[in-house]
């Protein structure tokens, strides 16, 4: 299990993690402004709250906790 999969399990009551394939979702990636991987886009109540790229699980954790 990757660090991100563990985090998805840990935050499963608060956060929905969705993984998208860059090749199959090229239009979506462009619309979201994805320029590097992995990129995370956080929404709350349908509003975009945060958008960042990181491979550091602790950075992801900080962004999630700040958004809750």
PDB file of N, CA and C in Angstrom:
ATOM      1  N   UNK A   1       0.845  -1.178   0.000  1.00  0.00           N
ATOM      2  CA  UNK A   1       0.000   0.000   0.000  1.00  0.00           C
ATOM      3  C   UNK A   1       0.897   1.249   0.000  1.00  0.00           C
ATOM      4  N   UNK A   2       0.578   2.189  -0.878  1.00  0.00           N
ATOM      5  CA  UNK A   2       1.374   3.419  -0.969  1.00  0.00           C
ATOM      6  C   UNK A   2       0.999   4.377   0.165  1.00  0.00           C
ATOM      7  N   UNK A   3       1.846   5.373   0.436  1.00  0.00           N
ATOM      8  CA  UNK A   3       1.490   6.349   1.467  1.00  0.00           C
ATOM      9  C   UNK A   3       0.156   7.044   1.168  1.00  0.00           C
ATOM     10  N   UNK A   4      -0.126   7.295  -0.089  1.00  0.00           N
ATOM     11  CA  UNK A   4      -1.365   7.966  -0.451  1.00  0.00           C
ATOM     12  C   UNK A   4      -2.573   7.051  -0.246  1.00  0.00           C
ATOM     13  N   UNK A   5      -2.408   5.768  -0.506  1.00  0.00           N
ATOM     14  CA  UNK A   5      -3.488   4.802  -0.243  1.00  0.00           C
ATOM     15  C   UNK A   5      -3.758   4.699   1.258  1.00  0.00           C
ATOM     16  N   UNK A   6      -2.707   4.729   2.060  1.00  0.00           N
ATOM     17  CA  UNK A   6      -2.875   4.698   3.519  1.00  0.00           C
ATOM     18  C   UNK A   6      -3.616   5.951   3.986  1.00  0.00           C
ATOM     19  N   UNK A   7      -3.264   7.094   3.394  1.00  0.00           N
ATOM     20  CA  UNK A   7      -3.924   8.333   3.773  1.00  0.00           C
ATOM     21  C   UNK A   7      -5.395   8.321   3.355  1.00  0.00           C
ATOM     22  N   UNK A   8      -5.690   7.759   2.194  1.00  0.00           N
ATOM     23  CA  UNK A   8      -7.081   7.642   1.749  1.00  0.00           C
ATOM     24  C   UNK A   8      -7.881   6.812   2.739  1.00  0.00           C
ATOM     25  N   UNK A   9      -7.273   5.790   3.280  1.00  0.00           N
ATOM     26  CA  UNK A   9      -7.933   4.960   4.289  1.00  0.00           C
ATOM     27  C   UNK A   9      -8.100   5.738   5.592  1.00  0.00           C
ATOM     28  N   UNK A  10      -7.057   6.437   5.984  1.00  0.00           N
ATOM     29  CA  UNK A  10      -7.087   7.193   7.237  1.00  0.00           C
ATOM     30  C   UNK A  10      -8.162   8.290   7.219  1.00  0.00           C
ATOM     31  N   UNK A  11      -8.301   8.981   6.094  1.00  0.00           N
ATOM     32  CA  UNK A  11      -9.236  10.099   5.988  1.00  0.00           C
ATOM     33  C   UNK A  11     -10.535   9.712   5.283  1.00  0.00           C
ATOM     34  N   UNK A  12     -10.858   8.425   5.222  1.00  0.00           N
ATOM     35  CA  UNK A  12     -11.989   7.973   4.410  1.00  0.00           C
ATOM     36  C   UNK A  12     -13.323   8.584   4.824  1.00  0.00           C
ATOM     37  N   UNK A  13     -13.475   9.008   6.065  1.00  0.00           N
ATOM     38  CA  UNK A  13     -14.737   9.632   6.494  1.00  0.00           C
ATOM     39  C   UNK A  13     -14.810  11.105   6.091  1.00  0.00           C
ATOM     40  N   UNK A  14     -13.671  11.733   5.849  1.00  0.00           N
ATOM     41  CA  UNK A  14     -13.636  13.162   5.537  1.00  0.00           C
ATOM     42  C   UNK A  14     -13.310  13.475   4.081  1.00  0.00           C
ATOM     43  N   UNK A  15     -12.597  12.560   3.409  1.00  0.00           N
ATOM     44  CA  UNK A  15     -12.048  12.862   2.090  1.00  0.00           C
ATOM     45  C   UNK A  15     -12.318  11.716   1.132  1.00  0.00           C
ATOM     46  N   UNK A  16     -12.638  12.061  -0.101  1.00  0.00           N
ATOM     47  CA  UNK A  16     -12.786  11.069  -1.169  1.00  0.00           C
ATOM     48  C   UNK A  16     -11.607  11.231  -2.124  1.00  0.00           C
ATOM     49  N   UNK A  17     -10.750  10.255  -2.175  1.00  0.00           N
ATOM     50  CA  UNK A  17      -9.612  10.284  -3.088  1.00  0.00           C
ATOM     51  C   UNK A  17     -10.034   9.660  -4.412  1.00  0.00           C
ATOM     52  N   UNK A  18      -9.730  10.337  -5.515  1.00  0.00           N
ATOM     53  CA  UNK A  18     -10.048   9.833  -6.847  1.00  0.00           C
ATOM     54  C   UNK A  18      -8.771   9.869  -7.667  1.00  0.00           C
ATOM     55  N   UNK A  19      -8.459   8.763  -8.285  1.00  0.00           N
ATOM     56  CA  UNK A  19      -7.278   8.680  -9.137  1.00  0.00           C
ATOM     57  C   UNK A  19      -7.725   8.693 -10.586  1.00  0.00           C
ATOM     58  N   UNK A  20      -7.063   9.521 -11.394  1.00  0.00           N
ATOM     59  CA  UNK A  20      -7.424   9.621 -12.806  1.00  0.00           C
ATOM     60  C   UNK A  20      -6.214   9.274 -13.666  1.00  0.00           C
ATOM     61  N   UNK A  21      -6.471   8.643 -14.779  1.00  0.00           N
ATOM     62  CA  UNK A  21      -5.426   8.291 -15.737  1.00  0.00           C
ATOM     63  C   UNK A  21      -5.179   9.492 -16.651  1.00  0.00           C
ATOM     64  N   UNK A  22      -3.944   9.969 -16.700  1.00  0.00           N
ATOM     65  CA  UNK A  22      -3.619  11.149 -17.498  1.00  0.00           C
ATOM     66  C   UNK A  22      -3.908  10.940 -18.976  1.00  0.00           C
ATOM     67  N   UNK A  23      -3.652   9.753 -19.481  1.00  0.00           N
ATOM     68  CA  UNK A  23      -3.876   9.495 -20.909  1.00  0.00           C
ATOM     69  C   UNK A  23      -5.366   9.486 -21.246  1.00  0.00           C
ATOM     70  N   UNK A  24      -6.173   8.907 -20.382  1.00  0.00           N
ATOM     71  CA  UNK A  24      -7.607   8.814 -20.642  1.00  0.00           C
ATOM     72  C   UNK A  24      -8.351  10.083 -20.244  1.00  0.00           C
ATOM     73  N   UNK A  25      -7.787  10.874 -19.362  1.00  0.00           N
ATOM     74  CA  UNK A  25      -8.453  12.074 -18.876  1.00  0.00           C
ATOM     75  C   UNK A  25      -7.725  13.348 -19.240  1.00  0.00           C
ATOM     76  N   UNK A  26      -7.137  13.392 -20.430  1.00  0.00           N
ATOM     77  CA  UNK A  26      -6.329  14.542 -20.840  1.00  0.00           C
ATOM     78  C   UNK A  26      -7.117  15.853 -20.785  1.00  0.00           C
ATOM     79  N   UNK A  27      -8.363  15.832 -21.228  1.00  0.00           N
ATOM     80  CA  UNK A  27      -9.178  17.049 -21.198  1.00  0.00           C
ATOM     81  C   UNK A  27      -9.422  17.502 -19.763  1.00  0.00           C
ATOM     82  N   UNK A  28      -9.726  16.555 -18.898  1.00  0.00           N
ATOM     83  CA  UNK A  28      -9.959  16.881 -17.496  1.00  0.00           C
ATOM     84  C   UNK A  28      -8.680  17.440 -16.867  1.00  0.00           C
ATOM     85  N   UNK A  29      -7.548  16.820 -17.156  1.00  0.00           N
ATOM     86  CA  UNK A  29      -6.280  17.287 -16.605  1.00  0.00           C
ATOM     87  C   UNK A  29      -6.002  18.725 -17.043  1.00  0.00           C
ATOM     88  N   UNK A  30      -6.243  19.015 -18.293  1.00  0.00           N
ATOM     89  CA  UNK A  30      -6.040  20.377 -18.808  1.00  0.00           C
ATOM     90  C   UNK A  30      -6.987  21.351 -18.105  1.00  0.00           C
ATOM     91  N   UNK A  31      -8.253  20.974 -17.980  1.00  0.00           N
ATOM     92  CA  UNK A  31      -9.240  21.844 -17.343  1.00  0.00           C
ATOM     93  C   UNK A  31      -8.905  22.125 -15.879  1.00  0.00           C
ATOM     94  N   UNK A  32      -8.314  21.163 -15.206  1.00  0.00           N
ATOM     95  CA  UNK A  32      -7.937  21.326 -13.796  1.00  0.00           C
ATOM     96  C   UNK A  32      -6.596  22.027 -13.617  1.00  0.00           C
ATOM     97  N   UNK A  33      -5.856  22.212 -14.708  1.00  0.00           N
ATOM     98  CA  UNK A  33      -4.563  22.869 -14.613  1.00  0.00           C
ATOM     99  C   UNK A  33      -3.447  21.961 -14.131  1.00  0.00           C
ATOM    100  N   UNK A  34      -3.587  20.670 -14.370  1.00  0.00           N
ATOM    101  CA  UNK A  34      -2.570  19.700 -13.941  1.00  0.00           C
ATOM    102  C   UNK A  34      -1.367  19.812 -14.870  1.00  0.00           C
ATOM    103  N   UNK A  35      -0.190  20.058 -14.257  1.00  0.00           N
ATOM    104  CA  UNK A  35       1.045  20.180 -15.029  1.00  0.00           C
ATOM    105  C   UNK A  35       2.111  19.182 -14.602  1.00  0.00           C
ATOM    106  N   UNK A  36       1.911  18.584 -13.433  1.00  0.00           N
ATOM    107  CA  UNK A  36       2.874  17.594 -12.953  1.00  0.00           C
ATOM    108  C   UNK A  36       2.119  16.574 -12.108  1.00  0.00           C
ATOM    109  N   UNK A  37       2.799  15.468 -11.821  1.00  0.00           N
ATOM    110  CA  UNK A  37       2.167  14.368 -11.101  1.00  0.00           C
ATOM    111  C   UNK A  37       2.982  14.003  -9.883  1.00  0.00           C
ATOM    112  N   UNK A  38       2.340  13.613  -8.794  1.00  0.00           N
ATOM    113  CA  UNK A  38       0.899  13.632  -8.601  1.00  0.00           C
ATOM    114  C   UNK A  38       0.414  15.039  -8.260  1.00  0.00           C
ATOM    115  N   UNK A  39      -0.762  15.370  -8.745  1.00  0.00           N
ATOM    116  CA  UNK A  39      -1.428  16.641  -8.446  1.00  0.00           C
ATOM    117  C   UNK A  39      -2.693  16.333  -7.662  1.00  0.00           C
ATOM    118  N   UNK A  40      -2.964  17.162  -6.687  1.00  0.00           N
ATOM    119  CA  UNK A  40      -4.147  17.013  -5.857  1.00  0.00           C
ATOM    120  C   UNK A  40      -4.985  18.272  -5.962  1.00  0.00           C
ATOM    121  N   UNK A  41      -6.267  18.080  -6.139  1.00  0.00           N
ATOM    122  CA  UNK A  41      -7.219  19.188  -6.185  1.00  0.00           C
ATOM    123  C   UNK A  41      -8.252  18.901  -5.099  1.00  0.00           C
ATOM    124  N   UNK A  42      -8.347  19.802  -4.147  1.00  0.00           N
ATOM    125  CA  UNK A  42      -9.252  19.607  -3.022  1.00  0.00           C
ATOM    126  C   UNK A  42     -10.498  20.455  -3.209  1.00  0.00           C
ATOM    127  N   UNK A  43     -11.659  19.813  -3.051  1.00  0.00           N
ATOM    128  CA  UNK A  43     -12.946  20.489  -3.138  1.00  0.00           C
ATOM    129  C   UNK A  43     -13.663  20.341  -1.804  1.00  0.00           C
ATOM    130  N   UNK A  44     -14.457  21.336  -1.479  1.00  0.00           N
ATOM    131  CA  UNK A  44     -15.311  21.255  -0.293  1.00  0.00           C
ATOM    132  C   UNK A  44     -16.656  21.869  -0.662  1.00  0.00           C
ATOM    133  N   UNK A  45     -17.700  21.094  -0.481  1.00  0.00           N
ATOM    134  CA  UNK A  45     -19.048  21.542  -0.835  1.00  0.00           C
ATOM    135  C   UNK A  45     -19.105  22.029  -2.283  1.00  0.00           C
ATOM    136  N   UNK A  46     -18.384  21.349  -3.161  1.00  0.00           N
ATOM    137  CA  UNK A  46     -18.406  21.675  -4.579  1.00  0.00           C
ATOM    138  C   UNK A  46     -17.510  22.839  -4.984  1.00  0.00           C
ATOM    139  N   UNK A  47     -16.842  23.452  -4.024  1.00  0.00           N
ATOM    140  CA  UNK A  47     -15.951  24.576  -4.320  1.00  0.00           C
ATOM    141  C   UNK A  47     -14.498  24.124  -4.259  1.00  0.00           C
ATOM    142  N   UNK A  48     -13.720  24.568  -5.218  1.00  0.00           N
ATOM    143  CA  UNK A  48     -12.294  24.243  -5.246  1.00  0.00           C
ATOM    144  C   UNK A  48     -11.590  25.003  -4.122  1.00  0.00           C
ATOM    145  N   UNK A  49     -10.951  24.263  -3.232  1.00  0.00           N
ATOM    146  CA  UNK A  49     -10.297  24.850  -2.069  1.00  0.00           C
ATOM    147  C   UNK A  49      -8.777  24.954  -2.223  1.00  0.00           C
ATOM    148  N   UNK A  50      -8.191  23.997  -2.937  1.00  0.00           N
ATOM    149  CA  UNK A  50      -6.735  23.928  -3.014  1.00  0.00           C
ATOM    150  C   UNK A  50      -6.333  23.136  -4.251  1.00  0.00           C
ATOM    151  N   UNK A  51      -5.153  23.412  -4.764  1.00  0.00           N
ATOM    152  CA  UNK A  51      -4.609  22.729  -5.943  1.00  0.00           C
ATOM    153  C   UNK A  51      -3.092  22.750  -5.799  1.00  0.00           C
ATOM    154  N   UNK A  52      -2.482  21.594  -5.749  1.00  0.00           N
ATOM    155  CA  UNK A  52      -1.038  21.530  -5.553  1.00  0.00           C
ATOM    156  C   UNK A  52      -0.494  20.205  -6.059  1.00  0.00           C
ATOM    157  N   UNK A  53       0.778  20.198  -6.358  1.00  0.00           N
ATOM    158  CA  UNK A  53       1.470  18.976  -6.786  1.00  0.00           C
ATOM    159  C   UNK A  53       2.509  18.640  -5.728  1.00  0.00           C
ATOM    160  N   UNK A  54       2.528  17.383  -5.324  1.00  0.00           N
ATOM    161  CA  UNK A  54       3.519  16.941  -4.341  1.00  0.00           C
ATOM    162  C   UNK A  54       3.638  15.425  -4.379  1.00  0.00           C
ATOM    163  N   UNK A  55       4.812  14.953  -4.081  1.00  0.00           N
ATOM    164  CA  UNK A  55       4.983  13.512  -3.891  1.00  0.00           C
ATOM    165  C   UNK A  55       5.236  13.212  -2.410  1.00  0.00           C
ATOM    166  N   UNK A  56       5.160  14.266  -1.595  1.00  0.00           N
ATOM    167  CA  UNK A  56       5.397  14.137  -0.157  1.00  0.00           C
ATOM    168  C   UNK A  56       4.072  13.933   0.567  1.00  0.00           C
ATOM    169  N   UNK A  57       3.918  12.795   1.212  1.00  0.00           N
ATOM    170  CA  UNK A  57       2.662  12.500   1.895  1.00  0.00           C
ATOM    171  C   UNK A  57       2.401  13.459   3.052  1.00  0.00           C
ATOM    172  N   UNK A  58       3.443  13.962   3.695  1.00  0.00           N
ATOM    173  CA  UNK A  58       3.241  14.901   4.802  1.00  0.00           C
ATOM    174  C   UNK A  58       2.707  16.239   4.294  1.00  0.00           C
ATOM    175  N   UNK A  59       3.146  16.671   3.118  1.00  0.00           N
ATOM    176  CA  UNK A  59       2.610  17.900   2.526  1.00  0.00           C
ATOM    177  C   UNK A  59       1.139  17.712   2.205  1.00  0.00           C
ATOM    178  N   UNK A  60       0.792  16.560   1.648  1.00  0.00           N
ATOM    179  CA  UNK A  60      -0.611  16.261   1.361  1.00  0.00           C
ATOM    180  C   UNK A  60      -1.422  16.284   2.647  1.00  0.00           C
ATOM    181  N   UNK A  61      -0.913  15.659   3.686  1.00  0.00           N
ATOM    182  CA  UNK A  61      -1.609  15.626   4.986  1.00  0.00           C
ATOM    183  C   UNK A  61      -1.868  17.049   5.489  1.00  0.00           C
ATOM    184  N   UNK A  62      -0.868  17.913   5.405  1.00  0.00           N
ATOM    185  CA  UNK A  62      -1.015  19.297   5.875  1.00  0.00           C
ATOM    186  C   UNK A  62      -2.129  20.011   5.094  1.00  0.00           C
ATOM    187  N   UNK A  63      -2.151  19.853   3.783  1.00  0.00           N
ATOM    188  CA  UNK A  63      -3.175  20.495   2.959  1.00  0.00           C
ATOM    189  C   UNK A  63      -4.562  19.958   3.319  1.00  0.00           C
ATOM    190  N   UNK A  64      -4.676  18.660   3.510  1.00  0.00           N
ATOM    191  CA  UNK A  64      -5.978  18.074   3.858  1.00  0.00           C
ATOM    192  C   UNK A  64      -6.436  18.595   5.209  1.00  0.00           C
ATOM    193  N   UNK A  65      -5.563  18.537   6.197  1.00  0.00           N
ATOM    194  CA  UNK A  65      -5.937  18.977   7.543  1.00  0.00           C
ATOM    195  C   UNK A  65      -6.301  20.460   7.561  1.00  0.00           C
ATOM    196  N   UNK A  66      -5.603  21.282   6.763  1.00  0.00           N
ATOM    197  CA  UNK A  66      -5.918  22.708   6.687  1.00  0.00           C
ATOM    198  C   UNK A  66      -7.276  22.946   6.027  1.00  0.00           C
ATOM    199  N   UNK A  67      -7.697  22.026   5.165  1.00  0.00           N
ATOM    200  CA  UNK A  67      -8.950  22.180   4.438  1.00  0.00           C
ATOM    201  C   UNK A  67     -10.163  21.638   5.184  1.00  0.00           C
ATOM    202  N   UNK A  68      -9.927  20.850   6.238  1.00  0.00           N
ATOM    203  CA  UNK A  68     -11.054  20.252   6.976  1.00  0.00           C
ATOM    204  C   UNK A  68     -11.710  21.248   7.911  1.00  0.00           C
TER     205      UNK A  68
END
